[in-house]
């Protein structure tokens, strides 16, 4: 699928402290890519298709 392109979206995401950012699990690149791939598979719409 578009794993490589989806992963590139998250390349700039960094950990942010608890006071003003997001939880560690919210920046998990591998899980984000898996979610994008699953969504594309289930919907038939791949935003990252070449």
N, C-alpha and C. Protein backbone atom coordinates (compact mmCIF):
# COMPACT_ATOMS: atom_id res chain seq x y z
N UNK A 1 0.84 -1.19 0.00
CA UNK A 1 0.00 0.00 0.00
C UNK A 1 0.88 1.25 0.00
N UNK A 2 0.43 2.32 0.62
CA UNK A 2 1.18 3.56 0.63
C UNK A 2 1.98 3.76 1.90
N UNK A 3 2.46 2.66 2.48
CA UNK A 3 3.16 2.73 3.75
C UNK A 3 4.31 3.72 3.74
N UNK A 4 5.11 3.70 2.69
CA UNK A 4 6.26 4.59 2.64
C UNK A 4 5.82 6.05 2.62
N UNK A 5 4.81 6.34 1.84
CA UNK A 5 4.32 7.73 1.77
C UNK A 5 3.63 8.13 3.06
N UNK A 6 2.86 7.21 3.65
CA UNK A 6 2.19 7.51 4.91
C UNK A 6 3.22 7.73 6.00
N UNK A 7 4.25 6.91 6.02
CA UNK A 7 5.28 7.05 7.04
C UNK A 7 5.98 8.40 6.93
N UNK A 8 6.13 8.91 5.71
CA UNK A 8 6.80 10.20 5.54
C UNK A 8 6.03 11.34 6.19
N UNK A 9 4.72 11.18 6.33
CA UNK A 9 3.93 12.21 7.00
C UNK A 9 4.33 12.39 8.45
N UNK A 10 4.81 11.31 9.06
CA UNK A 10 5.10 11.34 10.48
C UNK A 10 6.58 11.51 10.78
N UNK A 11 7.37 11.76 9.76
CA UNK A 11 8.81 11.86 9.95
C UNK A 11 9.20 13.06 10.81
N UNK A 12 8.40 14.09 10.82
CA UNK A 12 8.72 15.28 11.61
C UNK A 12 8.12 15.29 13.00
N UNK A 13 7.34 14.25 13.34
CA UNK A 13 6.69 14.21 14.64
C UNK A 13 7.72 13.87 15.70
N UNK A 14 7.73 14.64 16.77
CA UNK A 14 8.64 14.38 17.88
C UNK A 14 7.86 14.24 19.17
N UNK A 15 8.50 13.73 20.17
CA UNK A 15 7.88 13.61 21.47
C UNK A 15 7.72 15.01 22.08
N UNK A 16 6.60 15.22 22.71
CA UNK A 16 6.32 16.51 23.35
C UNK A 16 5.95 16.22 24.80
N UNK A 17 6.35 17.07 25.71
CA UNK A 17 6.10 16.76 27.12
C UNK A 17 4.60 16.80 27.46
N UNK A 18 4.28 16.22 28.60
CA UNK A 18 2.89 16.06 29.04
C UNK A 18 2.14 17.39 29.20
N UNK A 19 2.83 18.45 29.52
CA UNK A 19 2.15 19.71 29.82
C UNK A 19 1.50 20.37 28.62
N UNK A 20 2.04 20.17 27.44
CA UNK A 20 1.47 20.90 26.33
C UNK A 20 1.46 20.14 25.03
N UNK A 21 1.59 18.84 25.10
CA UNK A 21 1.68 18.10 23.85
C UNK A 21 0.76 16.91 23.79
N UNK A 22 1.27 15.86 23.25
CA UNK A 22 0.48 14.65 23.04
C UNK A 22 1.12 13.49 23.79
N UNK A 23 0.34 12.45 24.01
CA UNK A 23 0.83 11.24 24.67
C UNK A 23 1.78 10.50 23.73
N UNK A 24 2.66 9.70 24.31
CA UNK A 24 3.63 8.95 23.51
C UNK A 24 2.96 8.10 22.45
N UNK A 25 1.87 7.43 22.79
CA UNK A 25 1.21 6.53 21.85
C UNK A 25 0.61 7.29 20.66
N UNK A 26 0.38 8.58 20.80
CA UNK A 26 -0.21 9.36 19.71
C UNK A 26 0.81 9.67 18.61
N UNK A 27 2.07 9.44 18.88
CA UNK A 27 3.10 9.71 17.89
C UNK A 27 3.80 8.43 17.45
N UNK A 28 3.15 7.30 17.61
CA UNK A 28 3.72 6.01 17.22
C UNK A 28 3.63 5.88 15.70
N UNK A 29 4.74 6.04 15.02
CA UNK A 29 4.78 6.03 13.55
C UNK A 29 4.30 4.71 12.97
N UNK A 30 4.74 3.61 13.55
CA UNK A 30 4.35 2.30 13.02
C UNK A 30 2.84 2.09 13.09
N UNK A 31 2.24 2.47 14.20
CA UNK A 31 0.80 2.31 14.34
C UNK A 31 0.05 3.24 13.39
N UNK A 32 0.57 4.43 13.18
CA UNK A 32 -0.07 5.37 12.26
C UNK A 32 -0.06 4.83 10.84
N UNK A 33 1.05 4.26 10.43
CA UNK A 33 1.15 3.69 9.09
C UNK A 33 0.19 2.52 8.95
N UNK A 34 0.13 1.66 9.98
CA UNK A 34 -0.81 0.53 9.94
C UNK A 34 -2.25 1.02 9.83
N UNK A 35 -2.59 2.09 10.55
CA UNK A 35 -3.94 2.64 10.49
C UNK A 35 -4.25 3.18 9.10
N UNK A 36 -3.31 3.91 8.49
CA UNK A 36 -3.53 4.43 7.14
C UNK A 36 -3.75 3.29 6.16
N UNK A 37 -2.93 2.24 6.27
CA UNK A 37 -3.06 1.10 5.36
C UNK A 37 -4.39 0.38 5.55
N UNK A 38 -4.80 0.19 6.80
CA UNK A 38 -6.07 -0.47 7.08
C UNK A 38 -7.23 0.36 6.54
N UNK A 39 -7.19 1.66 6.75
CA UNK A 39 -8.26 2.53 6.27
C UNK A 39 -8.35 2.46 4.74
N UNK A 40 -7.21 2.45 4.07
CA UNK A 40 -7.20 2.37 2.60
C UNK A 40 -7.77 1.03 2.15
N UNK A 41 -7.41 -0.03 2.84
CA UNK A 41 -7.90 -1.36 2.47
C UNK A 41 -9.42 -1.46 2.68
N UNK A 42 -9.90 -0.97 3.80
CA UNK A 42 -11.33 -1.09 4.12
C UNK A 42 -12.23 -0.19 3.27
N UNK A 43 -11.71 0.98 2.92
CA UNK A 43 -12.53 1.94 2.17
C UNK A 43 -12.31 1.87 0.67
N UNK A 44 -11.18 1.30 0.26
CA UNK A 44 -10.85 1.27 -1.16
C UNK A 44 -10.32 2.61 -1.65
N UNK A 45 -10.06 3.52 -0.72
CA UNK A 45 -9.54 4.84 -1.07
C UNK A 45 -8.15 4.97 -0.47
N UNK A 46 -7.15 5.13 -1.32
CA UNK A 46 -5.77 5.26 -0.86
C UNK A 46 -5.28 6.65 -1.22
N UNK A 47 -5.21 7.52 -0.23
CA UNK A 47 -4.77 8.89 -0.45
C UNK A 47 -3.32 8.98 -0.89
N UNK A 48 -2.58 7.88 -0.73
CA UNK A 48 -1.16 7.90 -1.06
C UNK A 48 -0.83 7.12 -2.32
N UNK A 49 -1.85 6.70 -3.05
CA UNK A 49 -1.60 5.95 -4.28
C UNK A 49 -0.90 6.85 -5.30
N UNK A 50 0.04 6.27 -5.97
CA UNK A 50 0.82 7.05 -6.96
C UNK A 50 0.02 7.27 -8.21
